Amino acid sequence: MDEKGRLKEYKYLGKDPEECRRRRQESSVQLRKTKKEDTVLKKRNITLDKQDFGQRADNEEESIQRQFSINEILINSQSNDPSTKLNAVQSARKLLSSDKNPPIDQFIEANMLPILVECLTKDDQPSLQFEAAWALTNIASGSSPQTQAVVLAGAVEHFLRLLNSPHQNVCEQAVWALGNIIGDGPQCRDLVINLGVVDPLLKFISPEIPMSFLRNVTWVIVNLCRSKEPPPPIETIEKLLPALAFLIQNLDTNILVDTVWAISYLTDAGNNIIQMVIDAGFVPYLVPLLGHSEVKVVTAALRAVGNIVTGTDQQTQEVLDKDALKYFHALLNHPKPKINKEAVWFLSNITAGTKTQVQTVIDNGLIPQVVHLLSRGDLPTKREAAWCINNLSLSGNKDQVAYVLQQGAISPLCQALSIDDPQVLAVVMDALSNILKLAASNDDDLLSVTSQIEECGGLDKIEDLQSHRNEEIYKLAFDLIDKYFTEDNEELPENMNENEYTFGTPAASAEQPKFEF
């Protein structure tokens, strides 16, 4: 959707909470699609120092293999002598394991892939199978065309067969290779699923499996859960959920983080899959992870539960019923701005819910922190805070909206009108419009709100936005001025002094302020 179309939707926001949450889901797509440092890598290259070769042996072998050109490797890899063939394939693997610019394209252009795939069939030479699988794994860790080259060479079927190899290192290398191919995208993912990867992969999940192997299996499951366009087949998800339920109880941090990311990808794929995750009993495990000591666990858990509360009101309530909000004082005060942003994003989906759910946010004392982040947070966090207040102004009742104003929301809302971001401007003006609309039923309340907007410089900013380059923005600004700031609205009622504003005025003392709503 282009910017103009998105802003048009903001302007005509409806009063239906489900519709409000749907729009929040749309606006969150970019947040969830953005490549983050914290997310799990789709593909992984195996470098030399991660294998069971000594550093000295590595250096010696690297110095030897440098003497061979790709053409020489190609010739020797076709030798009938097993030792010569193994050394050639190992040399190829060494070159492809380089951290800097491995010659993937050169090997593809030299037609090396069919030779490597043929090596996977040599069950009587497990060392050759291992070296060839390793080389193909690193080729598949490259760009999408490079991964596709591995697929077109017919490697997938052989890797699937090697999952049953009696040699564990060969099995694990096949798992790693399949993970890179699956991570290329939904087309490759579904191809490998249709060829039968799930059942043999899940057999590796057991208490006896070495931790490094289990980490790789978990990572491949993450890739199986990726992408919502389309999501994995329902039959596949039904098989993966029990495995994830086992893995989420693992004490290894890497496995835990990957497992929670897998759940977050599933819960990003629609309400039906969210319900499957809820029914499988994950919520009681996910919510306590919001208070985990490891930031990367918290980040993944916050995304997973955040996706769940983009669902229906009932699905949102499943998270709230596990006392999730008790963790949010810490999350809103977290030193990492990304945590702040996603915590407010989570709350914006709660304030898009029922009035009872809105009240839960208020009762947990979280609104003052949201208002603070609207004032002092970075731009992405301010955007989410504006959404949070906007949604509350739609879903909340008059008393709830009045409470938000008593926490000083008007001033940071108006200050946000200086942000040169059409989305922020549209959301903030929509929130102000909703607040003014609620206040308009009472002259005193309307004067209270308009006065606060004017006193903090908001009126001047709205007037300036009437000349904004974006058509939808200046229309929003014009409508606000026309409806609420014309001369007819500026006269004080006869029975009210200028200091007697009542609706939503921030409290000056500990005494409970009076408000009309």
Protein backbone atom coordinates (compact mmCIF):
# COMPACT_ATOMS: atom_id res chain seq x y z
CA MET A 1 0.00 0.00 0.00
CA ASP A 2 1.40 3.40 -0.92
CA GLU A 3 1.75 6.24 1.56
CA LYS A 4 -1.38 8.05 0.35
CA GLY A 5 -3.49 4.93 0.70
CA ARG A 6 -2.18 4.23 4.20
CA LEU A 7 -2.89 7.78 5.33
CA LYS A 8 -6.40 7.60 3.93
CA GLU A 9 -7.03 4.62 6.17
CA TYR A 10 -5.72 6.50 9.18
CA LYS A 11 -8.05 9.40 8.44
CA TYR A 12 -11.13 7.21 8.34
CA LEU A 13 -10.31 5.01 11.29
CA GLY A 14 -13.44 3.20 12.43
CA LYS A 15 -14.82 2.66 15.89
CA ASP A 16 -14.76 -1.15 15.69
CA PRO A 17 -11.91 -2.48 17.89
CA GLU A 18 -11.38 -5.45 15.57
CA GLU A 19 -10.97 -3.08 12.63
CA CYS A 20 -8.64 -0.96 14.73
CA ARG A 21 -6.50 -3.98 15.57
CA ARG A 22 -6.49 -5.05 11.90
CA ARG A 23 -5.03 -1.71 10.93
CA ARG A 24 -2.48 -2.00 13.69
CA GLN A 25 -1.46 -5.35 12.22
CA GLU A 26 -1.01 -3.72 8.81
CA SER A 27 1.08 -0.92 10.24
CA SER A 28 3.20 -3.47 12.12
CA VAL A 29 4.15 -5.43 9.03
CA GLN A 30 7.17 -3.23 8.41
CA LEU A 31 8.21 -3.54 12.04
CA ARG A 32 8.16 -7.32 11.85
CA LYS A 33 9.68 -7.52 8.38
CA THR A 34 12.62 -5.29 9.23
CA LYS A 35 15.84 -7.26 9.39
CA LYS A 36 17.07 -7.01 12.96
CA GLU A 37 20.31 -7.92 14.65
CA ASP A 38 18.35 -10.02 17.12
CA THR A 39 16.53 -12.24 14.67
CA VAL A 40 17.75 -15.67 13.65
CA LEU A 41 19.92 -15.84 10.54
CA LYS A 42 18.22 -17.54 7.62
CA LYS A 43 21.46 -19.08 6.37
CA ARG A 44 24.69 -20.03 8.07
CA ASN A 45 28.12 -20.54 6.57
CA ILE A 46 30.44 -23.04 8.23
CA THR A 47 33.86 -21.52 8.72
CA LEU A 48 37.04 -23.44 9.37
CA ASP A 49 37.36 -22.68 13.05
CA LYS A 50 34.01 -24.26 13.87
CA GLN A 51 35.04 -27.80 12.99
CA ASP A 52 37.15 -30.37 14.76
CA PHE A 53 40.42 -29.52 13.03
CA GLY A 54 43.35 -28.09 14.95
CA GLN A 55 44.42 -24.57 14.12
CA ARG A 56 47.83 -25.73 12.96
CA ALA A 57 46.34 -28.40 10.73
CA ASP A 58 43.99 -25.80 9.30
CA ASN A 59 46.85 -23.49 8.48
CA GLU A 60 48.87 -26.28 6.90
CA GLU A 61 45.96 -27.55 4.83
CA GLU A 62 45.04 -24.02 3.74
CA SER A 63 48.60 -23.43 2.56
CA ILE A 64 48.45 -26.68 0.57
CA GLN A 65 45.04 -26.06 -1.00
CA ARG A 66 46.05 -22.59 -2.14
CA GLN A 67 48.40 -24.30 -4.57
CA PHE A 68 45.43 -25.84 -6.40
CA SER A 69 43.36 -23.84 -8.83
CA ILE A 70 39.63 -24.44 -9.17
CA ASN A 71 40.36 -26.16 -12.48
CA GLU A 72 42.80 -28.54 -10.79
CA ILE A 73 40.29 -29.23 -8.04
CA LEU A 74 37.68 -29.98 -10.69
CA ILE A 75 39.99 -32.45 -12.46
CA ASN A 76 41.17 -34.19 -9.28
CA SER A 77 37.63 -34.46 -7.89
CA GLN A 78 36.80 -36.74 -10.85
CA SER A 79 39.71 -39.06 -10.16
CA ASN A 80 39.08 -42.76 -9.64
CA ASP A 81 41.60 -42.73 -6.79
CA PRO A 82 39.61 -42.25 -3.53
CA SER A 83 42.43 -40.36 -1.80
CA THR A 84 42.90 -37.93 -4.69
CA LYS A 85 39.16 -37.38 -4.95
CA LEU A 86 38.81 -36.78 -1.20
CA ASN A 87 41.70 -34.30 -1.15
CA ALA A 88 40.19 -32.38 -4.08
CA VAL A 89 36.76 -32.16 -2.49
CA GLN A 90 38.35 -31.16 0.79
CA SER A 91 40.28 -28.42 -1.01
CA ALA A 92 37.01 -27.17 -2.50
CA ARG A 93 35.44 -27.20 0.92
CA LYS A 94 38.36 -25.22 2.34
CA LEU A 95 38.02 -22.52 -0.30
CA LEU A 96 34.25 -22.32 0.24
CA SER A 97 34.74 -22.02 4.01
CA SER A 98 36.54 -18.71 3.68
CA ASP A 99 34.96 -15.87 5.62
CA LYS A 100 35.82 -13.38 2.90
CA ASN A 101 34.43 -13.74 -0.59
CA PRO A 102 34.30 -17.54 -1.00
CA PRO A 103 34.46 -18.43 -4.71
CA ILE A 104 30.92 -19.81 -4.88
CA ASP A 105 30.13 -18.55 -8.35
CA GLN A 106 33.43 -19.80 -9.72
CA PHE A 107 32.67 -23.34 -8.53
CA ILE A 108 29.13 -23.16 -9.93
CA GLU A 109 30.41 -21.92 -13.30
CA ALA A 110 33.06 -24.67 -13.33
CA ASN A 111 30.21 -27.23 -13.07
CA MET A 112 31.50 -28.53 -9.74
CA LEU A 113 28.05 -29.00 -8.20
CA PRO A 114 27.13 -32.25 -10.01
CA ILE A 115 30.43 -33.74 -8.85
CA LEU A 116 29.76 -32.74 -5.22
CA VAL A 117 26.22 -34.09 -5.40
CA GLU A 118 27.53 -37.37 -6.81
CA CYS A 119 29.89 -37.61 -3.83
CA LEU A 120 26.84 -37.63 -1.52
CA THR A 121 25.93 -41.06 -2.89
CA LYS A 122 29.19 -42.71 -1.72
CA ASP A 123 27.88 -44.46 1.39
CA ASP A 124 31.13 -46.44 1.63
CA GLN A 125 33.11 -43.19 1.90
CA PRO A 126 31.56 -41.18 4.77
CA SER A 127 34.49 -38.75 4.86
CA LEU A 128 33.86 -37.88 1.22
CA GLN A 129 30.13 -37.49 1.90
CA PHE A 130 30.90 -35.20 4.82
CA GLU A 131 33.31 -32.99 2.87
CA ALA A 132 30.95 -32.74 -0.12
CA ALA A 133 27.97 -31.97 2.11
CA TRP A 134 29.98 -29.27 3.88
CA ALA A 135 30.99 -27.68 0.56
CA LEU A 136 27.39 -27.72 -0.70
CA THR A 137 26.18 -26.30 2.61
CA ASN A 138 28.40 -23.27 2.17
CA ILE A 139 27.34 -22.80 -1.44
CA ALA A 140 23.71 -22.89 -0.26
CA SER A 141 24.52 -20.24 2.36
CA GLY A 142 25.06 -17.69 -0.38
CA SER A 143 22.61 -15.69 -2.45
CA SER A 144 19.26 -17.03 -3.59
CA PRO A 145 20.54 -17.92 -7.11
CA GLN A 146 23.45 -19.78 -5.50
CA THR A 147 21.07 -21.72 -3.25
CA GLN A 148 18.86 -22.46 -6.23
CA ALA A 149 21.87 -23.88 -8.04
CA VAL A 150 22.29 -26.45 -5.25
CA VAL A 151 18.61 -27.35 -5.50
CA LEU A 152 18.72 -27.68 -9.28
CA ALA A 153 21.76 -29.93 -8.98
CA GLY A 154 19.51 -32.44 -7.21
CA ALA A 155 21.13 -32.16 -3.78
CA VAL A 156 17.93 -31.98 -1.70
CA GLU A 157 16.91 -35.62 -2.18
CA HIS A 158 20.40 -36.80 -1.28
CA PHE A 159 20.53 -34.64 1.85
CA LEU A 160 17.19 -36.08 2.93
CA ARG A 161 18.55 -39.58 2.47
CA LEU A 162 21.65 -38.70 4.49
CA LEU A 163 19.46 -37.87 7.47
CA ASN A 164 19.42 -41.63 7.99
CA SER A 165 23.20 -42.02 7.70
CA PRO A 166 24.81 -44.12 10.48
CA HIS A 167 27.47 -41.42 10.77
CA GLN A 168 26.35 -38.55 12.99
CA ASN A 169 28.66 -35.95 11.45
CA VAL A 170 27.17 -36.70 8.02
CA CYS A 171 23.62 -36.47 9.45
CA GLU A 172 24.37 -33.14 11.08
CA GLN A 173 25.93 -31.76 7.91
CA ALA A 174 22.85 -32.78 5.95
CA VAL A 175 20.65 -31.02 8.51
CA TRP A 176 22.74 -27.85 8.17
CA ALA A 177 22.57 -27.95 4.36
CA LEU A 178 18.80 -28.43 4.40
CA GLY A 179 18.48 -25.52 6.83
CA ASN A 180 20.22 -23.21 4.36
CA ILE A 181 18.03 -24.39 1.49
CA ILE A 182 14.81 -24.03 3.53
CA GLY A 183 15.95 -20.57 4.64
CA ASP A 184 16.02 -19.33 1.05
CA GLY A 185 12.27 -18.68 1.15
CA PRO A 186 8.82 -20.24 1.09
CA GLN A 187 9.30 -21.89 -2.32
CA CYS A 188 12.36 -23.87 -1.22
CA ARG A 189 10.82 -24.42 2.21
CA ASP A 190 7.72 -26.02 0.75
CA LEU A 191 9.76 -28.06 -1.73
CA VAL A 192 11.78 -29.62 1.09
CA ILE A 193 8.65 -30.13 3.19
CA ASN A 194 6.91 -31.90 0.32
CA LEU A 195 9.93 -34.17 -0.12
CA GLY A 196 9.47 -35.30 3.48
CA VAL A 197 11.95 -33.45 5.70
CA VAL A 198 9.79 -32.99 8.80
CA ASP A 199 9.48 -36.49 10.24
CA PRO A 200 13.16 -37.52 9.96
CA LEU A 201 14.24 -34.10 11.23
CA LEU A 202 12.08 -34.33 14.33
CA LYS A 203 13.50 -37.76 15.19
CA PHE A 204 16.74 -36.04 16.12
CA ILE A 205 15.05 -34.20 19.01
CA SER A 206 15.88 -36.35 22.01
CA PRO A 207 17.77 -36.02 25.31
CA GLU A 208 20.62 -38.09 23.84
CA ILE A 209 21.44 -35.77 20.96
CA PRO A 210 24.60 -33.62 21.41
CA MET A 211 23.84 -30.00 22.18
CA SER A 212 25.51 -28.63 19.04
CA PHE A 213 23.42 -30.98 16.89
CA LEU A 214 20.20 -30.04 18.71
CA ARG A 215 20.96 -26.36 18.14
CA ASN A 216 21.20 -26.99 14.41
CA VAL A 217 17.96 -28.98 14.36
CA THR A 218 16.23 -26.15 16.24
CA TRP A 219 17.56 -23.60 13.76
CA VAL A 220 16.18 -25.63 10.84
CA ILE A 221 12.78 -25.72 12.58
CA VAL A 222 12.96 -21.92 12.81
CA ASN A 223 13.43 -21.75 9.05
CA LEU A 224 10.50 -24.13 8.55
CA CYS A 225 8.34 -21.67 10.51
CA ARG A 226 9.46 -18.61 8.58
CA SER A 227 7.40 -16.63 6.11
CA LYS A 228 3.70 -15.94 6.20
CA GLU A 229 3.29 -15.51 2.45
CA PRO A 230 2.35 -18.28 2.48
CA PRO A 231 2.80 -19.76 5.96
CA PRO A 232 3.92 -23.37 6.31
CA PRO A 233 1.23 -25.98 5.63
CA ILE A 234 -1.11 -26.57 8.58
CA GLU A 235 -0.10 -30.24 8.65
CA THR A 236 3.54 -29.21 9.07
CA ILE A 237 2.71 -26.75 11.87
CA GLU A 238 0.76 -29.49 13.67
CA LYS A 239 3.90 -31.64 13.63
CA LEU A 240 6.26 -28.84 14.65
CA LEU A 241 4.29 -27.54 17.65
CA PRO A 242 4.94 -30.57 19.92
CA ALA A 243 8.64 -30.38 19.07
CA LEU A 244 8.69 -26.66 19.90
CA ALA A 245 6.85 -27.40 23.16
CA PHE A 246 9.71 -29.73 24.08
CA LEU A 247 12.42 -27.32 22.98
CA ILE A 248 11.02 -24.27 24.81
CA GLN A 249 11.80 -26.07 28.08
CA ASN A 250 15.46 -26.55 27.16
CA LEU A 251 17.94 -24.78 29.42
CA ASP A 252 20.31 -23.86 26.57
CA THR A 253 19.88 -20.16 25.78
CA ASN A 254 20.55 -20.55 22.05
CA ILE A 255 17.92 -23.25 21.71
CA LEU A 256 15.46 -21.23 23.78
CA VAL A 257 15.95 -18.09 21.68
CA ASP A 258 15.56 -19.96 18.39
CA THR A 259 12.47 -21.76 19.66
CA VAL A 260 10.77 -18.53 20.69
CA TRP A 261 11.62 -16.92 17.35
CA ALA A 262 10.04 -19.93 15.63
CA ILE A 263 6.85 -19.33 17.62
CA SER A 264 6.97 -15.62 16.78
CA TYR A 265 7.11 -16.44 13.06
CA LEU A 266 4.11 -18.74 13.38
CA THR A 267 2.07 -16.19 15.33
CA ASP A 268 2.77 -13.65 12.60
CA ALA A 269 0.78 -15.74 10.13
CA GLY A 270 -2.81 -15.02 11.14
CA ASN A 271 -5.39 -15.67 13.82
CA ASN A 272 -5.91 -19.33 12.95
CA ILE A 273 -2.26 -20.15 13.60
CA ILE A 274 -2.23 -17.91 16.68
CA GLN A 275 -5.05 -20.08 18.02
CA MET A 276 -3.06 -23.23 17.28
CA VAL A 277 -0.15 -21.84 19.31
CA ILE A 278 -2.49 -20.93 22.18
CA ASP A 279 -4.18 -24.32 22.13
CA ALA A 280 -0.78 -26.02 22.20
CA GLY A 281 -0.16 -24.34 25.59
CA PHE A 282 2.68 -21.96 24.74
CA VAL A 283 1.38 -18.79 26.41
CA PRO A 284 2.26 -19.89 29.99
CA TYR A 285 5.83 -20.52 28.79
CA LEU A 286 6.18 -17.35 26.73
CA VAL A 287 4.92 -14.77 29.22
CA PRO A 288 7.51 -15.42 31.98
CA LEU A 289 10.27 -15.07 29.38
CA LEU A 290 9.42 -11.35 29.26
CA GLY A 291 11.35 -11.15 32.52
CA HIS A 292 14.30 -13.30 31.41
CA SER A 293 17.81 -12.11 32.24
CA GLU A 294 19.02 -12.48 28.63
CA VAL A 295 18.04 -9.59 26.34
CA LYS A 296 17.86 -11.81 23.28
CA VAL A 297 15.33 -14.05 25.03
CA VAL A 298 13.25 -11.04 26.04
CA THR A 299 13.37 -9.66 22.51
CA ALA A 300 12.10 -12.90 21.00
CA ALA A 301 9.43 -13.40 23.68
CA LEU A 302 8.17 -9.84 23.31
CA ARG A 303 7.76 -10.36 19.57
CA ALA A 304 5.97 -13.68 20.07
CA VAL A 305 3.43 -12.43 22.63
CA GLY A 306 3.16 -9.16 20.71
CA ASN A 307 2.06 -11.12 17.66
CA ILE A 308 -0.50 -13.05 19.71
CA VAL A 309 -2.17 -9.85 20.91
CA THR A 310 -2.61 -8.71 17.31
CA GLY A 311 -5.24 -11.43 17.18
CA THR A 312 -8.80 -11.39 18.47
CA ASP A 313 -9.84 -9.90 21.80
CA GLN A 314 -10.15 -13.40 23.20
CA GLN A 315 -6.64 -14.32 22.05
CA THR A 316 -5.34 -11.09 23.55
CA GLN A 317 -7.03 -11.97 26.83
CA GLU A 318 -5.15 -15.29 26.96
CA VAL A 319 -1.92 -13.29 27.32
CA LEU A 320 -3.36 -10.80 29.79
CA ASP A 321 -4.74 -13.61 31.95
CA LYS A 322 -1.16 -14.82 32.49
CA ASP A 323 -0.33 -11.47 34.12
CA ALA A 324 1.86 -10.34 31.23
CA LEU A 325 1.53 -6.64 32.06
CA LYS A 326 3.50 -6.99 35.28
CA TYR A 327 6.67 -7.19 33.17
CA PHE A 328 6.03 -3.99 31.26
CA HIS A 329 7.26 -1.41 33.76
CA ALA A 330 10.72 -2.92 33.29
CA LEU A 331 10.33 -3.26 29.52
CA LEU A 332 9.23 0.35 29.09
CA ASN A 333 12.23 1.46 31.15
CA HIS A 334 14.66 -0.90 29.43
CA PRO A 335 17.94 0.70 28.29
CA LYS A 336 17.52 -0.74 24.76
CA PRO A 337 15.24 1.47 22.63
CA LYS A 338 14.18 -1.56 20.56
CA ILE A 339 12.73 -3.15 23.67
CA ASN A 340 10.90 0.10 24.51
CA LYS A 341 9.46 0.28 21.00
CA GLU A 342 8.16 -3.27 20.93
CA ALA A 343 6.79 -2.99 24.46
CA VAL A 344 4.73 0.05 23.43
CA TRP A 345 3.75 -1.76 20.22
CA PHE A 346 2.43 -4.60 22.40
CA LEU A 347 0.45 -2.15 24.56
CA SER A 348 -0.97 -0.42 21.48
CA ASN A 349 -2.64 -3.69 20.58
CA ILE A 350 -4.07 -4.00 24.08
CA THR A 351 -5.50 -0.48 23.90
CA ALA A 352 -7.08 -1.49 20.60
CA GLY A 353 -9.13 -4.08 22.47
CA THR A 354 -12.07 -4.01 24.82
CA LYS A 355 -12.67 -1.34 27.43
CA THR A 356 -11.83 -3.94 30.09
CA GLN A 357 -8.47 -4.56 28.43
CA VAL A 358 -7.85 -0.82 28.18
CA GLN A 359 -8.59 -0.55 31.90
CA THR A 360 -6.07 -3.29 32.63
CA VAL A 361 -3.35 -1.16 31.06
CA ILE A 362 -4.48 1.81 33.14
CA ASP A 363 -4.71 -0.23 36.36
CA ASN A 364 -1.15 -1.46 35.88
CA GLY A 365 0.07 2.13 35.83
CA LEU A 366 1.59 1.92 32.35
CA ILE A 367 0.04 4.99 30.72
CA PRO A 368 2.44 7.50 32.35
CA GLN A 369 5.38 5.55 30.90
CA VAL A 370 3.79 5.50 27.46
CA VAL A 371 3.28 9.26 27.67
CA HIS A 372 6.90 9.67 28.74
CA LEU A 373 8.12 7.64 25.75
CA LEU A 374 5.91 9.68 23.44
CA SER A 375 7.79 12.68 24.75
CA ARG A 376 11.33 11.32 25.17
CA GLY A 377 11.62 8.12 23.13
CA ASP A 378 13.33 7.72 19.77
CA LEU A 379 11.25 8.16 16.62
CA PRO A 380 10.15 4.49 16.22
CA THR A 381 9.10 4.41 19.87
CA LYS A 382 7.23 7.71 19.57
CA ARG A 383 5.37 6.31 16.58
CA GLU A 384 4.23 3.29 18.60
CA ALA A 385 3.33 5.47 21.59
CA ALA A 386 1.19 7.66 19.34
CA TRP A 387 -0.58 4.53 18.11
CA CYS A 388 -1.10 3.38 21.69
CA ILE A 389 -2.85 6.62 22.67
CA ASN A 390 -4.72 6.78 19.37
CA ASN A 391 -6.12 3.28 19.89
CA LEU A 392 -7.10 4.10 23.44
CA SER A 393 -8.91 7.22 22.24
CA LEU A 394 -10.96 4.94 19.97
CA SER A 395 -11.51 1.94 22.21
CA GLY A 396 -11.64 3.60 25.64
CA ASN A 397 -14.57 5.24 27.37
CA LYS A 398 -14.69 8.89 28.40
CA ASP A 399 -13.25 8.29 31.84
CA GLN A 400 -10.36 6.27 30.41
CA VAL A 401 -9.53 8.95 27.85
CA ALA A 402 -9.78 11.61 30.56
CA TYR A 403 -7.30 9.62 32.65
CA VAL A 404 -4.82 9.62 29.76
CA LEU A 405 -5.11 13.39 29.46
CA GLN A 406 -4.57 13.76 33.19
CA GLN A 407 -1.22 12.01 32.70
CA GLY A 408 -0.18 14.89 30.44
CA ALA A 409 -0.70 13.27 27.02
CA ILE A 410 -1.77 16.43 25.18
CA SER A 411 1.61 18.16 25.29
CA PRO A 412 3.71 15.28 23.85
CA LEU A 413 0.99 14.60 21.27
CA CYS A 414 1.25 18.18 20.13
CA GLN A 415 5.04 18.13 20.19
CA ALA A 416 4.90 15.08 17.91
CA LEU A 417 3.25 17.29 15.30
CA SER A 418 6.74 18.63 14.61
CA ILE A 419 7.94 15.22 13.42
CA ASP A 420 8.37 15.10 9.66
CA ASP A 421 6.78 11.68 9.30
CA PRO A 422 3.37 11.46 7.60
CA GLN A 423 2.41 8.34 9.54
CA VAL A 424 3.15 9.93 12.91
CA LEU A 425 1.35 13.14 11.92
CA ALA A 426 -1.74 11.24 10.76
CA VAL A 427 -1.91 9.08 13.88
CA VAL A 428 -1.40 12.03 16.25
CA MET A 429 -4.02 14.20 14.55
CA ASP A 430 -6.43 11.28 14.52
CA ALA A 431 -5.88 10.86 18.27
CA LEU A 432 -6.47 14.58 18.87
CA SER A 433 -9.61 14.40 16.72
CA ASN A 434 -10.93 11.45 18.73
CA ILE A 435 -10.24 13.24 22.02
CA LEU A 436 -11.89 16.44 20.84
CA LYS A 437 -14.88 14.50 19.57
CA LEU A 438 -15.37 12.95 23.00
CA ALA A 439 -15.01 16.32 24.67
CA ALA A 440 -17.41 18.06 22.27
CA SER A 441 -20.50 16.78 24.07
CA ASN A 442 -19.74 19.21 26.90
CA ASP A 443 -18.71 22.83 26.33
CA ASP A 444 -16.53 22.93 29.43
CA ASP A 445 -14.71 19.76 28.44
CA LEU A 446 -14.15 20.95 24.88
CA LEU A 447 -12.74 24.24 26.12
CA SER A 448 -10.46 22.36 28.50
CA VAL A 449 -8.97 20.26 25.71
CA THR A 450 -8.70 23.02 23.11
CA SER A 451 -7.05 25.28 25.67
CA GLN A 452 -4.46 22.62 26.52
CA ILE A 453 -3.72 22.13 22.82
CA GLU A 454 -3.34 25.85 22.29
CA GLU A 455 -1.24 26.47 25.42
CA CYS A 456 1.38 23.85 24.47
CA GLY A 457 1.73 25.19 20.94
CA GLY A 458 -0.33 22.47 19.30
CA LEU A 459 -2.71 24.86 17.58
CA ASP A 460 0.15 26.66 15.86
CA LYS A 461 1.53 23.35 14.62
CA ILE A 462 -1.87 22.21 13.32
CA GLU A 463 -2.26 25.54 11.51
CA ASP A 464 1.18 25.08 9.93
CA LEU A 465 0.20 21.59 8.77
CA GLN A 466 -2.61 23.11 6.69
CA SER A 467 0.12 23.86 4.16
CA HIS A 468 1.77 20.42 4.38
CA ARG A 469 2.95 18.91 1.10
CA ASN A 470 0.92 15.76 1.75
CA GLU A 471 -2.73 16.19 0.80
CA GLU A 472 -4.11 13.90 3.47
CA ILE A 473 -2.11 15.63 6.21
CA TYR A 474 -3.32 19.11 5.35
CA LYS A 475 -6.89 17.84 5.10
CA LEU A 476 -6.64 16.36 8.58
CA ALA A 477 -5.23 19.64 9.89
CA PHE A 478 -7.91 21.68 8.14
CA ASP A 479 -10.68 19.49 9.58
CA LEU A 480 -9.34 19.93 13.12
CA ILE A 481 -9.16 23.69 12.79
CA ASP A 482 -12.56 23.91 11.11
CA LYS A 483 -14.38 21.77 13.68
CA TYR A 484 -12.77 22.75 16.96
CA PHE A 485 -10.78 25.97 16.66
CA THR A 486 -13.09 28.41 14.91
CA GLU A 487 -14.20 31.60 16.63
CA ASP A 488 -17.48 30.01 17.71
CA ASN A 489 -15.56 27.60 19.95
CA GLU A 490 -13.34 30.20 21.61
CA GLU A 491 -15.82 31.95 23.88
CA LEU A 492 -15.93 30.95 27.54
CA PRO A 493 -19.26 29.79 28.89
CA GLU A 494 -20.86 32.47 31.08
CA ASN A 495 -20.64 30.36 34.23
CA MET A 496 -16.96 29.37 33.77
CA ASN A 497 -13.73 31.21 34.48
CA GLU A 498 -10.69 30.69 32.29
CA ASN A 499 -8.89 28.67 34.99
CA GLU A 500 -11.73 26.19 35.57
CA TYR A 501 -10.94 23.71 32.78
CA THR A 502 -12.04 20.30 33.95
CA PHE A 503 -11.66 17.62 31.31
CA GLY A 504 -8.37 15.82 31.35
CA THR A 505 -6.33 18.68 32.83
CA PRO A 506 -3.12 17.29 34.36
CA ALA A 507 -3.38 17.25 38.14
CA ALA A 508 -1.40 19.97 39.90
CA SER A 509 -1.48 18.20 43.26
CA ALA A 510 -2.11 14.80 44.80
CA GLU A 511 -5.78 15.72 45.11
CA GLN A 512 -8.01 13.82 42.65
CA PRO A 513 -8.82 16.24 39.79
CA LYS A 514 -12.39 16.89 38.77
CA PHE A 515 -13.51 16.06 35.28
CA GLU A 516 -16.91 16.02 33.65
CA PHE A 517 -16.74 12.86 31.59
